[in-house]
N, C-alpha and C. Protein backbone atom coordinates (compact mmCIF):
# COMPACT_ATOMS: atom_id res chain seq x y z
N UNK A 1 -2.06 -0.51 -8.17
CA UNK A 1 -2.21 -0.82 -7.03
C UNK A 1 -0.16 0.02 -6.26
N UNK A 2 -0.22 0.16 -5.54
CA UNK A 2 0.51 1.15 -4.50
C UNK A 2 1.59 0.75 -4.67
N UNK A 3 3.11 1.24 -4.28
CA UNK A 3 4.30 0.05 -3.92
C UNK A 3 4.45 0.33 -3.09
N UNK A 4 5.10 -1.09 -2.58
CA UNK A 4 5.69 -0.75 -1.20
C UNK A 4 7.14 0.46 -0.77
N UNK A 5 6.69 0.93 0.25
CA UNK A 5 7.54 1.78 1.05
C UNK A 5 8.81 1.20 1.71
N UNK A 6 10.23 1.80 2.23
CA UNK A 6 10.83 1.44 2.98
C UNK A 6 10.73 2.54 3.87
N UNK A 7 9.82 2.48 4.91
CA UNK A 7 9.88 3.30 6.48
C UNK A 7 10.57 3.78 7.29
N UNK A 8 11.57 2.19 7.54
CA UNK A 8 12.60 2.58 9.09
C UNK A 8 13.38 1.21 8.30
N UNK A 9 15.14 1.28 8.13
CA UNK A 9 15.73 0.38 8.28
C UNK A 9 17.00 0.30 9.28
N UNK A 10 17.14 -0.35 9.81
CA UNK A 10 18.70 -0.44 10.17
C UNK A 10 19.19 -2.39 9.83
N UNK A 11 20.46 -2.56 11.18
CA UNK A 11 21.02 -3.24 11.04
C UNK A 11 19.77 -4.66 11.63
N UNK A 12 19.23 -4.16 12.77
CA UNK A 12 18.34 -5.01 13.51
C UNK A 12 16.84 -5.52 12.93
N UNK A 13 16.20 -4.38 12.01
CA UNK A 13 15.09 -4.60 11.67
C UNK A 13 14.42 -3.59 10.79
N UNK A 14 13.53 -4.12 10.16
CA UNK A 14 12.85 -3.21 8.90
C UNK A 14 11.56 -2.32 8.45
N UNK A 15 10.98 -1.97 8.37
CA UNK A 15 10.01 -1.41 8.46
C UNK A 15 8.84 -0.65 7.24
N UNK A 16 8.34 -1.65 6.90
CA UNK A 16 7.85 -0.76 5.19
C UNK A 16 6.22 -0.30 5.04
N UNK A 17 5.87 -0.05 4.30
CA UNK A 17 4.63 0.41 4.29
C UNK A 17 3.81 -0.87 2.96
N UNK A 18 2.71 -1.69 3.46
CA UNK A 18 2.69 -2.58 3.00
C UNK A 18 1.49 -2.03 2.36
N UNK A 19 0.94 -2.53 0.70
CA UNK A 19 0.04 -1.52 -0.11
C UNK A 19 -1.18 -2.84 0.11
N UNK A 20 -2.45 -2.72 0.37
CA UNK A 20 -2.91 -3.08 0.14
C UNK A 20 -3.43 -4.07 -1.05
N UNK A 21 -4.07 -5.62 -0.26
CA UNK A 21 -4.31 -6.63 -1.72
C UNK A 21 -3.30 -7.78 -2.33
N UNK A 22 -1.73 -7.06 -0.95
CA UNK A 22 -0.64 -7.74 -1.03
C UNK A 22 -0.88 -9.02 0.26
N UNK A 23 -0.08 -9.90 0.38
CA UNK A 23 -0.32 -11.46 1.29
C UNK A 23 0.76 -10.81 2.26
N UNK A 24 0.69 -10.51 3.73
CA UNK A 24 2.43 -10.56 4.13
C UNK A 24 3.04 -11.56 4.06
N UNK A 25 2.99 -12.82 3.83
CA UNK A 25 3.23 -14.25 3.92
C UNK A 25 3.08 -14.74 2.83
N UNK A 26 3.91 -15.43 1.94
CA UNK A 26 2.95 -16.59 0.96
C UNK A 26 2.31 -17.56 1.56
N UNK A 27 1.53 -18.74 0.78
CA UNK A 27 0.02 -19.05 0.79
C UNK A 27 0.38 -20.26 -0.36
N UNK A 28 -0.79 -21.03 -0.39
CA UNK A 28 -0.41 -22.33 -1.57
C UNK A 28 -1.01 -21.18 -2.81
N UNK A 29 -1.67 -19.75 -3.01
CA UNK A 29 -2.02 -19.30 -4.42
C UNK A 29 -0.23 -18.95 -4.90
N UNK A 30 0.61 -19.45 -4.23
CA UNK A 30 2.21 -18.56 -4.79
C UNK A 30 2.15 -17.05 -5.41
N UNK A 31 1.12 -16.49 -4.84
CA UNK A 31 1.55 -14.90 -4.76
C UNK A 31 2.71 -14.26 -4.91
N UNK A 32 3.09 -13.57 -5.00
CA UNK A 32 4.60 -12.56 -4.43
C UNK A 32 3.83 -12.03 -3.80
N UNK A 33 4.63 -12.52 -2.29
CA UNK A 33 4.22 -11.81 -0.59
C UNK A 33 5.15 -10.54 -0.41
N UNK A 34 4.85 -9.47 0.49
CA UNK A 34 5.54 -8.61 1.06
C UNK A 34 6.74 -9.32 1.64
N UNK A 35 6.88 -10.35 2.26
CA UNK A 35 8.66 -10.97 2.76
C UNK A 35 8.91 -11.53 1.34
N UNK A 36 8.50 -11.24 0.42
CA UNK A 36 9.33 -11.62 -0.99
C UNK A 36 10.52 -10.79 -1.47
N UNK A 37 8.97 -8.90 -1.13
CA UNK A 37 9.52 -8.11 -1.87
C UNK A 37 10.81 -7.80 -0.92
N UNK A 38 10.66 -7.89 0.18
CA UNK A 38 11.49 -7.75 1.26
C UNK A 38 12.58 -7.91 1.14
N UNK A 39 12.97 -9.08 1.48
CA UNK A 39 14.15 -10.08 0.93
C UNK A 39 14.85 -9.60 -0.45
N UNK A 40 14.06 -9.41 -1.40
CA UNK A 40 14.35 -9.30 -2.82
C UNK A 40 15.26 -7.62 -2.48
N UNK A 41 14.77 -6.62 -1.42
CA UNK A 41 15.48 -5.31 -1.13
C UNK A 41 16.41 -5.39 -1.00
N UNK A 42 16.50 -6.57 0.36
CA UNK A 42 17.96 -6.64 1.16
C UNK A 42 18.55 -7.24 0.39
N UNK A 43 18.84 -8.37 -0.44
CA UNK A 43 19.75 -8.77 -0.98
C UNK A 43 20.26 -8.27 -2.41
N UNK A 44 19.78 -7.29 -3.18
CA UNK A 44 19.97 -6.59 -3.77
C UNK A 44 20.55 -5.22 -3.03
N UNK A 45 20.06 -4.77 -2.07
CA UNK A 45 20.94 -3.22 -1.47
C UNK A 45 22.35 -3.90 -0.60
N UNK A 46 21.95 -4.80 -0.08
CA UNK A 46 23.42 -5.30 0.28
C UNK A 46 24.56 -5.56 -0.74
N UNK A 47 23.72 -6.51 -1.55
CA UNK A 47 24.77 -7.48 -2.33
C UNK A 47 25.24 -8.78 -1.31
N UNK A 48 23.54 -9.32 -0.64
CA UNK A 48 23.82 -10.81 0.20
C UNK A 48 24.07 -11.96 -0.71
N UNK A 49 24.25 -12.36 -1.12
CA UNK A 49 24.33 -13.69 -1.34
C UNK A 49 24.05 -14.93 -0.01
N UNK A 50 23.67 -16.18 -0.81
CA UNK A 50 22.53 -17.06 -0.39
C UNK A 50 21.30 -16.57 0.00
N UNK A 51 20.92 -16.81 0.93
CA UNK A 51 19.32 -16.69 1.60
C UNK A 51 19.19 -15.27 2.95
N UNK A 52 18.62 -14.83 2.25
CA UNK A 52 18.82 -13.85 3.58
C UNK A 52 17.31 -13.91 4.25
N UNK A 53 18.21 -13.45 5.87
CA UNK A 53 16.80 -14.16 7.11
C UNK A 53 15.98 -12.45 6.96
N UNK A 54 14.92 -13.11 7.22
CA UNK A 54 14.38 -11.96 7.94
C UNK A 54 12.85 -12.67 8.50
N UNK A 55 12.37 -11.93 10.13
CA UNK A 55 11.99 -12.89 11.09
C UNK A 55 10.54 -12.31 11.09
N UNK A 56 9.09 -12.84 10.73
CA UNK A 56 8.05 -12.65 11.14
C UNK A 56 7.48 -12.08 12.32
N UNK A 57 7.27 -10.93 12.38
CA UNK A 57 6.72 -10.34 13.76
C UNK A 57 5.64 -10.50 13.67
N UNK A 58 4.95 -9.87 12.99
CA UNK A 58 3.29 -9.68 13.20
C UNK A 58 2.69 -9.58 11.70
N UNK A 59 1.27 -9.71 11.67
CA UNK A 59 0.41 -9.25 10.07
C UNK A 59 -0.50 -8.99 10.17
N UNK A 60 -1.23 -8.36 8.33
CA UNK A 60 -1.74 -7.49 8.36
C UNK A 60 -3.06 -7.95 7.41
N UNK A 61 -3.83 -8.13 7.57
CA UNK A 61 -4.96 -9.08 6.00
C UNK A 61 -4.45 -8.57 4.66
N UNK A 62 -4.69 -9.08 3.59
CA UNK A 62 -4.49 -9.00 2.58
C UNK A 62 -5.13 -7.86 1.88
N UNK A 63 -6.52 -7.03 2.83
CA UNK A 63 -7.01 -6.57 1.94
C UNK A 63 -6.90 -4.86 2.69
N UNK A 64 -5.55 -4.58 3.68
CA UNK A 64 -5.60 -3.94 4.60
C UNK A 64 -3.49 -3.41 4.10
N UNK A 65 -3.84 -1.98 4.05
CA UNK A 65 -2.62 -1.38 4.32
C UNK A 65 -1.94 -0.98 4.91
N UNK A 66 -0.38 -0.25 4.65
CA UNK A 66 0.70 -0.35 6.30
C UNK A 66 1.35 -0.53 6.27
N UNK A 67 1.87 0.21 7.96
CA UNK A 67 3.37 -0.33 8.71
C UNK A 67 3.39 -1.95 9.19
N UNK A 68 3.95 -2.20 8.58
CA UNK A 68 4.47 -4.21 8.97
C UNK A 68 6.15 -3.78 9.19
N UNK A 69 6.35 -4.98 10.59
CA UNK A 69 8.11 -4.42 11.02
C UNK A 69 8.29 -6.05 10.58
N UNK A 70 9.40 -6.29 10.26
CA UNK A 70 10.58 -7.71 10.51
C UNK A 70 11.66 -6.86 10.36
N UNK A 71 12.08 -8.68 11.38
CA UNK A 71 13.45 -8.12 12.09
C UNK A 71 14.59 -8.91 11.22
N UNK A 72 16.20 -8.76 11.23
CA UNK A 72 16.91 -8.91 10.47
C UNK A 72 17.84 -9.60 11.22
N UNK A 73 16.76 -10.12 12.29
CA UNK A 73 17.96 -10.76 13.12
C UNK A 73 17.49 -12.03 14.00
N UNK A 74 17.90 -12.80 14.10
CA UNK A 74 17.23 -14.30 15.15
C UNK A 74 16.94 -13.25 16.42
N UNK A 75 17.75 -12.71 16.81
CA UNK A 75 18.06 -12.21 18.10
C UNK A 75 16.85 -10.81 18.04
N UNK A 76 16.69 -9.41 17.39
CA UNK A 76 15.70 -8.85 17.13
C UNK A 76 15.00 -9.74 16.92
N UNK A 77 14.28 -10.96 16.11
CA UNK A 77 12.52 -11.32 16.51
C UNK A 77 11.93 -11.97 17.58
N UNK A 78 13.51 -12.24 18.45
CA UNK A 78 12.63 -12.91 19.17
C UNK A 78 12.02 -11.52 20.20
N UNK A 79 13.33 -11.12 20.48
CA UNK A 79 12.99 -9.44 21.21
C UNK A 79 11.51 -8.59 20.99
N UNK A 80 11.26 -8.43 19.29
CA UNK A 80 10.28 -8.05 18.84
C UNK A 80 9.16 -8.87 19.32
N UNK A 81 8.67 -10.45 19.03
CA UNK A 81 7.54 -10.81 19.04
C UNK A 81 7.31 -11.01 20.49
N UNK A 82 7.88 -10.64 21.46
CA UNK A 82 7.91 -10.58 23.50
C UNK A 82 6.86 -9.77 23.16
N UNK A 83 7.20 -8.18 22.56
CA UNK A 83 6.75 -6.84 22.66
C UNK A 83 5.27 -7.36 22.37
N UNK A 84 4.84 -7.50 20.75
CA UNK A 84 3.73 -8.23 20.45
C UNK A 84 3.36 -8.66 21.50
N UNK A 85 3.56 -10.24 21.51
CA UNK A 85 2.66 -11.05 22.87
C UNK A 85 2.35 -10.42 23.99
N UNK A 86 3.11 -8.95 24.84
CA UNK A 86 2.65 -8.91 26.59
C UNK A 86 2.16 -7.37 25.67
N UNK A 87 1.72 -6.99 24.44
CA UNK A 87 0.67 -6.16 24.55
C UNK A 87 1.51 -4.36 24.69
N UNK A 88 2.27 -4.64 24.02
CA UNK A 88 3.51 -3.51 25.06
C UNK A 88 3.83 -2.32 23.41
N UNK A 89 3.19 -2.86 22.28
CA UNK A 89 3.46 -2.02 21.10
C UNK A 89 1.75 -1.46 20.75
N UNK A 90 1.93 0.27 20.52
CA UNK A 90 1.04 1.32 19.88
C UNK A 90 0.93 0.80 19.24
N UNK A 91 -0.56 0.25 18.51
CA UNK A 91 -1.12 0.13 17.27
C UNK A 91 -2.60 1.31 16.68
N UNK A 92 -1.73 1.79 15.67
CA UNK A 92 -3.13 2.67 15.54
C UNK A 92 -3.39 2.81 14.21
N UNK A 93 -4.82 2.29 13.97
CA UNK A 93 -4.85 2.33 12.61
C UNK A 93 -6.69 3.18 12.35
N UNK A 94 -6.63 3.62 10.79
CA UNK A 94 -7.66 4.63 10.27
C UNK A 94 -7.99 3.66 9.66
N UNK A 95 -9.88 4.09 9.86
CA UNK A 95 -10.93 2.67 9.43
C UNK A 95 -11.54 4.29 8.51
N UNK A 96 -12.61 3.80 7.45
CA UNK A 96 -12.83 4.74 7.17
C UNK A 96 -14.09 4.29 7.02
N UNK A 97 -15.25 4.58 7.37
CA UNK A 97 -16.69 3.88 7.36
C UNK A 97 -17.86 4.28 7.44
N UNK A 98 -18.39 3.22 6.89
CA UNK A 98 -19.81 4.24 6.65
C UNK A 98 -20.96 4.41 7.72
N UNK A 99 -21.41 4.86 7.67
CA UNK A 99 -22.48 6.10 8.68
C UNK A 99 -21.12 6.58 9.50
N UNK A 100 -22.42 6.58 11.06
CA UNK A 100 -21.53 7.14 12.60
C UNK A 100 -21.45 6.55 13.42
N UNK A 101 -20.35 6.87 14.50
CA UNK A 101 -20.82 6.12 15.56
C UNK A 101 -21.15 6.57 16.39
N UNK A 102 -22.14 5.94 17.37
CA UNK A 102 -22.84 6.47 18.40
C UNK A 102 -22.67 7.73 19.00
N UNK A 103 -21.04 7.51 19.23
CA UNK A 103 -20.07 8.34 20.22
C UNK A 103 -19.33 8.71 19.31
N UNK A 104 -19.14 9.68 19.31
CA UNK A 104 -17.51 10.85 18.02
C UNK A 104 -15.99 9.65 18.96
N UNK A 105 -16.35 9.06 20.51
CA UNK A 105 -15.41 8.37 20.65
C UNK A 105 -15.53 7.58 21.79
N UNK A 106 -15.04 6.35 22.05
CA UNK A 106 -14.87 5.52 23.46
C UNK A 106 -14.36 4.10 22.90
N UNK A 107 -14.89 3.25 24.00
CA UNK A 107 -13.91 2.03 23.83
C UNK A 107 -15.29 0.96 23.67
N UNK A 108 -14.94 -0.28 22.86
CA UNK A 108 -15.18 -1.29 22.65
C UNK A 108 -14.79 -2.30 22.91
N UNK A 109 -15.02 -3.43 23.42
CA UNK A 109 -14.45 -4.69 24.33
C UNK A 109 -16.12 -5.55 23.43
N UNK A 110 -15.60 -6.60 23.52
CA UNK A 110 -16.10 -7.41 22.64
C UNK A 110 -15.83 -8.67 22.49
N UNK A 111 -16.04 -9.96 22.41
CA UNK A 111 -15.94 -11.43 22.21
C UNK A 111 -16.48 -12.20 21.06
N UNK A 112 -15.46 -12.26 20.24
CA UNK A 112 -14.89 -12.88 19.05
C UNK A 112 -15.07 -14.34 19.19
N UNK A 113 -15.90 -15.02 18.06
CA UNK A 113 -15.12 -16.36 17.46
C UNK A 113 -14.76 -16.68 15.87
N UNK A 114 -13.96 -17.45 15.33
CA UNK A 114 -13.51 -17.43 14.61
C UNK A 114 -14.75 -18.86 13.75
N UNK A 115 -14.89 -18.38 12.84
CA UNK A 115 -15.80 -19.37 11.92
C UNK A 115 -15.13 -19.29 10.74
N UNK A 116 -14.18 -20.56 9.53
CA UNK A 116 -13.72 -20.21 8.66
C UNK A 116 -13.38 -19.16 8.07
N UNK A 117 -13.32 -18.17 7.05
CA UNK A 117 -12.88 -17.11 7.07
C UNK A 117 -13.03 -16.03 7.53
N UNK A 118 -14.02 -15.65 8.14
CA UNK A 118 -14.44 -14.78 9.14
C UNK A 118 -14.71 -14.80 10.47
N UNK A 119 -15.36 -13.44 11.45
CA UNK A 119 -15.22 -14.31 12.31
C UNK A 119 -16.74 -13.25 12.87
N UNK A 120 -17.30 -13.78 14.13
CA UNK A 120 -17.93 -12.89 14.58
C UNK A 120 -18.36 -12.89 15.73
N UNK A 121 -19.04 -11.71 16.54
CA UNK A 121 -19.30 -11.29 17.78
C UNK A 121 -19.75 -12.46 18.77
N UNK A 122 -19.81 -12.69 19.59
CA UNK A 122 -20.20 -13.80 20.27
C UNK A 122 -20.52 -13.62 22.23
N UNK A 123 -20.66 -14.67 22.80
CA UNK A 123 -21.12 -14.36 23.82
C UNK A 123 -19.59 -14.72 25.38
N UNK A 124 -19.76 -14.18 26.06
CA UNK A 124 -18.24 -14.34 26.71
C UNK A 124 -18.16 -15.72 26.96
N UNK A 125 -19.84 -16.84 27.05
CA UNK A 125 -19.32 -18.16 27.55
C UNK A 125 -18.65 -19.40 26.65
N UNK A 126 -18.78 -18.90 25.65
CA UNK A 126 -18.49 -19.68 24.18
C UNK A 126 -16.53 -20.24 24.47
N UNK A 127 -16.96 -21.24 24.24
CA UNK A 127 -15.79 -22.18 24.51
C UNK A 127 -14.86 -21.49 23.75
N UNK A 128 -14.76 -20.41 22.75
CA UNK A 128 -14.09 -20.57 21.80
C UNK A 128 -13.64 -19.00 21.64
N UNK A 129 -14.79 -17.84 22.56
CA UNK A 129 -14.25 -16.81 22.77
C UNK A 129 -13.05 -15.94 22.84
N UNK A 130 -12.89 -15.25 22.15
CA UNK A 130 -11.81 -14.26 22.89
C UNK A 130 -12.34 -12.81 22.64
N UNK A 131 -11.74 -12.59 23.86
CA UNK A 131 -11.69 -11.07 24.24
C UNK A 131 -11.04 -9.77 23.07
N UNK A 132 -11.65 -9.08 23.15
CA UNK A 132 -10.91 -8.15 21.50
C UNK A 132 -11.34 -6.30 22.62
N UNK A 133 -10.63 -5.84 22.46
CA UNK A 133 -10.73 -4.21 22.48
C UNK A 133 -9.97 -3.24 22.45
N UNK A 134 -10.64 -1.82 22.01
CA UNK A 134 -9.98 -0.82 21.18
C UNK A 134 -10.62 0.15 21.30
N UNK A 135 -9.54 1.00 21.62
CA UNK A 135 -10.84 2.45 21.81
C UNK A 135 -10.43 2.86 20.28
N UNK A 136 -11.61 4.32 20.23
CA UNK A 136 -11.34 4.88 19.28
C UNK A 136 -11.73 6.50 18.92
N UNK A 137 -12.04 6.77 17.68
CA UNK A 137 -12.00 9.03 18.14
C UNK A 137 -12.16 8.92 16.85
N UNK A 138 -13.24 9.93 16.56
CA UNK A 138 -14.05 10.21 15.31
C UNK A 138 -12.68 10.85 14.39
N UNK A 139 -11.78 11.28 13.52
CA UNK A 139 -11.22 12.26 13.06
C UNK A 139 -12.44 13.17 12.13
N UNK A 140 -13.41 12.62 11.61
CA UNK A 140 -13.71 13.48 10.37
C UNK A 140 -15.42 12.91 10.34
N UNK A 141 -16.60 13.60 9.68
CA UNK A 141 -17.50 12.94 9.72
C UNK A 141 -18.18 13.87 8.28
N UNK A 142 -18.24 13.17 7.09
CA UNK A 142 -18.01 14.03 5.91
C UNK A 142 -19.45 13.01 5.27
N UNK A 143 -20.74 13.24 5.55
CA UNK A 143 -22.13 12.65 4.23
C UNK A 143 -22.53 11.33 5.26
N UNK A 144 -22.03 10.43 4.19
CA UNK A 144 -22.25 9.45 4.67
C UNK A 144 -21.06 8.27 5.46
N UNK A 145 -20.21 8.87 5.41
CA UNK A 145 -18.68 8.15 5.72
C UNK A 145 -18.22 8.90 7.26
N UNK A 146 -17.43 8.27 8.16
CA UNK A 146 -15.97 8.86 8.87
C UNK A 146 -14.67 8.24 8.88
N UNK A 147 -14.26 8.83 9.08
CA UNK A 147 -12.82 8.47 9.66
C UNK A 147 -12.42 8.21 10.91
N UNK A 148 -12.06 7.24 11.44
CA UNK A 148 -11.57 6.55 12.68
C UNK A 148 -10.62 6.49 12.78
N UNK A 149 -10.26 6.77 13.90
CA UNK A 149 -8.92 5.95 14.11
C UNK A 149 -8.82 5.38 15.43
N UNK A 150 -8.41 4.24 15.01
CA UNK A 150 -8.38 3.24 16.37
C UNK A 150 -7.35 3.04 16.76
N UNK A 151 -7.53 2.60 18.21
CA UNK A 151 -6.34 1.90 19.04
C UNK A 151 -6.80 0.52 19.44
N UNK A 152 -5.77 0.20 18.92
CA UNK A 152 -5.85 -1.71 19.18
C UNK A 152 -5.28 -2.37 20.46
N UNK A 153 -5.67 -2.57 20.54
CA UNK A 153 -5.17 -2.98 22.29
C UNK A 153 -5.40 -4.31 22.59
N UNK A 154 -5.98 -5.11 21.55
CA UNK A 154 -5.66 -6.89 21.88
C UNK A 154 -5.60 -6.96 19.92
N UNK A 155 -5.11 -8.45 19.55
CA UNK A 155 -4.58 -8.86 18.03
C UNK A 155 -5.48 -9.31 17.27
N UNK A 156 -6.79 -9.57 17.64
CA UNK A 156 -7.91 -10.48 17.26
C UNK A 156 -7.50 -10.42 15.92
N UNK A 157 -8.48 -12.10 15.29
CA UNK A 157 -8.11 -11.87 13.79
C UNK A 157 -9.74 -11.34 13.11
N UNK A 158 -9.62 -10.40 12.04
CA UNK A 158 -10.36 -8.99 11.62
C UNK A 158 -10.92 -8.65 12.96
N UNK A 159 -10.72 -8.17 14.08
CA UNK A 159 -11.50 -7.51 15.03
C UNK A 159 -11.39 -6.19 14.91
N UNK A 160 -10.97 -5.38 14.17
CA UNK A 160 -11.30 -3.86 13.67
C UNK A 160 -12.62 -4.25 12.70
N UNK A 161 -12.56 -4.67 12.14
CA UNK A 161 -13.35 -4.96 10.93
C UNK A 161 -15.14 -5.71 11.34
N UNK A 162 -14.75 -6.73 11.88
CA UNK A 162 -15.77 -7.79 12.73
C UNK A 162 -16.70 -6.14 13.97
N UNK A 163 -15.69 -5.34 14.89
CA UNK A 163 -15.99 -4.25 16.02
C UNK A 163 -16.85 -3.44 15.22
N UNK A 164 -16.05 -2.78 14.32
CA UNK A 164 -17.12 -1.86 13.95
C UNK A 164 -18.01 -2.23 12.91
N UNK A 165 -18.13 -3.37 12.07
CA UNK A 165 -19.83 -3.60 11.62
C UNK A 165 -20.52 -3.60 12.23
N UNK A 166 -20.55 -4.70 13.74
CA UNK A 166 -21.13 -4.14 14.60
C UNK A 166 -22.38 -3.33 15.54
N UNK A 167 -21.44 -2.51 15.21
CA UNK A 167 -22.04 -0.74 15.67
C UNK A 167 -22.46 -0.59 14.90
N UNK A 168 -22.39 -0.97 13.34
CA UNK A 168 -23.43 -0.87 12.29
C UNK A 168 -22.53 0.34 11.26
N UNK A 169 -21.16 0.22 11.83
CA UNK A 169 -20.04 1.05 10.65
C UNK A 169 -19.01 0.37 9.89
N UNK A 170 -19.50 -0.62 9.34
CA UNK A 170 -18.33 -1.32 8.32
C UNK A 170 -18.15 -0.77 7.54
N UNK A 171 -16.38 -1.47 7.56
CA UNK A 171 -15.32 -0.74 7.15
C UNK A 171 -15.52 0.04 4.77
N UNK A 172 -15.42 0.76 4.89
CA UNK A 172 -16.03 0.86 3.53
C UNK A 172 -14.65 0.13 2.19
N UNK A 173 -15.63 -0.68 1.54
CA UNK A 173 -15.48 -1.72 0.48
C UNK A 173 -15.02 -2.99 1.35
N UNK A 174 -15.46 -2.71 3.02
CA UNK A 174 -15.16 -4.46 3.68
C UNK A 174 -17.18 -5.33 3.43
N UNK A 175 -17.22 -6.19 2.07
CA UNK A 175 -18.48 -6.79 1.89
C UNK A 175 -18.71 -7.91 2.39
N UNK A 176 -17.00 -8.47 3.11
CA UNK A 176 -17.05 -9.45 4.54
C UNK A 176 -17.79 -9.12 5.19
N UNK A 177 -17.53 -8.00 5.46
CA UNK A 177 -18.54 -7.55 7.45
C UNK A 177 -19.90 -6.10 6.45
N UNK A 178 -20.23 -6.62 5.87
CA UNK A 178 -20.69 -5.43 5.45
C UNK A 178 -21.38 -4.35 4.54
N UNK A 179 -19.98 -4.10 4.01
CA UNK A 179 -20.31 -3.08 3.26
C UNK A 179 -20.71 -3.17 1.73
N UNK A 180 -21.77 -2.07 1.37
CA UNK A 180 -22.31 -2.22 0.41
C UNK A 180 -21.79 -2.57 -1.31
N UNK A 181 -20.74 -1.93 -1.42
CA UNK A 181 -19.96 -2.14 -2.63
C UNK A 181 -18.67 -2.48 -1.94
N UNK A 182 -18.13 -3.79 -3.04
CA UNK A 182 -16.66 -3.48 -3.23
C UNK A 182 -15.81 -2.67 -3.79
N UNK A 183 -14.38 -2.46 -3.38
CA UNK A 183 -13.78 -0.99 -3.66
C UNK A 183 -13.35 -2.17 -5.50
N UNK A 184 -13.08 -1.30 -6.35
CA UNK A 184 -12.62 -1.93 -7.76
C UNK A 184 -11.14 -2.80 -7.45
N UNK A 185 -9.75 -2.10 -6.18
CA UNK A 185 -9.29 -3.36 -6.40
C UNK A 185 -9.04 -3.81 -5.16
N UNK A 186 -10.47 -4.49 -4.68
CA UNK A 186 -10.82 -5.17 -3.81
C UNK A 186 -9.86 -4.53 -2.50
N UNK A 187 -9.28 -3.71 -2.08
CA UNK A 187 -9.08 -3.39 -0.94
C UNK A 187 -10.01 -3.08 -0.08
N UNK A 188 -9.66 -3.38 1.74
CA UNK A 188 -10.59 -2.30 1.89
C UNK A 188 -10.18 -0.69 2.14
N UNK A 189 -10.72 0.43 3.60
CA UNK A 189 -10.58 1.25 3.50
C UNK A 189 -9.74 1.35 5.03
N UNK A 190 -8.79 0.55 5.07
CA UNK A 190 -8.12 0.50 7.01
C UNK A 190 -6.77 0.19 6.53
N UNK A 191 -6.11 1.21 7.45
CA UNK A 191 -5.01 1.06 7.25
C UNK A 191 -4.31 1.01 8.61
N UNK A 192 -3.06 -0.04 8.63
CA UNK A 192 -2.13 0.42 9.72
C UNK A 192 -1.36 1.77 10.05
N UNK A 193 -1.44 2.90 10.44
CA UNK A 193 -1.25 4.00 10.45
C UNK A 193 0.18 4.05 10.91
N UNK A 194 0.22 3.81 12.47
CA UNK A 194 1.60 3.87 12.88
C UNK A 194 1.58 2.63 13.94
N UNK A 195 3.33 2.49 14.25
CA UNK A 195 3.27 1.38 15.59
C UNK A 195 4.73 2.11 15.84
N UNK A 196 4.34 2.04 17.43
CA UNK A 196 5.21 2.47 18.36
C UNK A 196 6.06 1.80 19.36
N UNK A 197 6.90 1.33 19.21
CA UNK A 197 7.12 -0.38 19.88
C UNK A 197 8.91 0.38 20.92
N UNK A 198 10.38 -0.25 21.41
CA UNK A 198 10.65 -0.50 21.68
C UNK A 198 11.73 -1.16 20.67
N UNK A 199 13.10 -0.18 20.50
CA UNK A 199 14.01 -0.72 19.54
C UNK A 199 14.68 -2.47 20.01
N UNK A 200 14.78 -3.16 19.62
CA UNK A 200 15.14 -4.56 20.23
C UNK A 200 16.12 -4.58 20.91
N UNK A 201 17.09 -3.78 20.64
CA UNK A 201 18.79 -4.05 20.58
C UNK A 201 19.34 -2.56 21.25
N UNK A 202 18.54 -1.39 21.20
CA UNK A 202 19.01 -0.04 21.78
C UNK A 202 17.75 0.22 22.90
N UNK A 203 18.06 0.79 23.78
CA UNK A 203 16.74 1.98 24.94
C UNK A 203 16.42 2.72 24.30
N UNK A 204 15.36 2.90 22.95
CA UNK A 204 14.65 3.96 22.63
C UNK A 204 13.29 3.34 21.75
N UNK A 205 12.64 4.57 22.69
CA UNK A 205 11.49 4.14 21.42
C UNK A 205 11.40 4.67 19.45
N UNK A 206 10.77 3.43 18.92
CA UNK A 206 10.85 3.71 17.42
C UNK A 206 9.30 3.90 17.35
N UNK A 207 9.10 4.83 16.51
CA UNK A 207 7.75 5.56 16.10
C UNK A 207 7.79 5.17 14.29
N UNK A 208 7.08 4.50 14.22
CA UNK A 208 6.93 4.75 12.52
C UNK A 208 5.38 4.33 11.76
N UNK A 209 5.22 6.21 10.46
CA UNK A 209 4.18 5.61 10.89
C UNK A 209 3.75 5.70 8.58
N UNK A 210 3.17 5.28 8.33
CA UNK A 210 2.63 4.99 7.06
C UNK A 210 2.48 6.61 6.21
N UNK A 211 2.25 6.56 5.46
CA UNK A 211 1.65 7.72 3.98
C UNK A 211 0.00 7.70 4.62
N UNK A 212 -0.63 9.18 4.58
CA UNK A 212 -1.64 8.74 4.19
C UNK A 212 -2.19 8.94 3.15
N UNK A 213 -3.27 7.71 2.92
CA UNK A 213 -3.80 7.07 2.07
C UNK A 213 -4.63 8.29 1.93
N UNK A 214 -4.70 8.72 0.21
CA UNK A 214 -5.58 9.29 -0.84
C UNK A 214 -6.91 9.25 0.30
N UNK A 215 -8.14 8.01 0.89
CA UNK A 215 -9.63 7.88 1.42
C UNK A 215 -8.91 8.76 2.71
N UNK A 216 -8.06 9.50 3.05
CA UNK A 216 -8.19 9.76 4.19
C UNK A 216 -8.44 11.70 4.26
N UNK A 217 -7.52 11.74 2.85
CA UNK A 217 -7.94 12.91 3.27
C UNK A 217 -9.09 14.27 2.72
C-alpha cells in the first residue's frame, strides 16, 4: 500500500496524500484512519502534549486516493468548510475507466439517489434526488481503457463513480459500479488529483496536487 505523504503544511492547515484503502475518519471497524495518522504526525513533529485538534473539512471514499485537507485551528475549519459549502473549491480528479466516453470532453448533469451503500441515477422528480454535475476531458485512450480528468462541480456521494458508470465507462477496479474485475488491493483507479482554494487566513490561492499514480502513466 502507498504511504501517506505531507503535501502542504502551515499553522492553519495541513494537506496530505491519502492512499487508497484507508478511511478518512474512523468508524466502528476501529481501523486506523487518515485522521489518526495525521494527528500522530503532528503530535510527534511538534512534540504536542495532550490531544491534537484536527478539523475534518471533506472526505474521500475509502478506495479512492488523493489530496485531503485538514484544518489545524477551529477558525480555519470554519472558513474552509464555508468554501466547500459554497462550492468555490476547484476539485480535479483523474479516473482510469473501461471503454471510451461518447465525446472526448463534455459536461454531465444527472440526478442521484442514495440506497444503502450505493447511489444510482434517477429522475429529477424523485423526492430524494440530488443534482450532480461534472465536466471531463480525455487525457488518453489506450486499448480498452481511457484516462479522464474530471472537474467536480458538486460533491455528491459516489458521484464520479455513478455518473461515469452510467455512461458505460466504469472506473477500473470499481466492481460496485460495474467494473468487470476487482483490483488486488481493493482500491479503484480514481484519485483526487488536485485542490485549489483560498487560504483560510491569508489573501492567497493554495494549489495542492497529489503525485501521479502508476496507473495514469
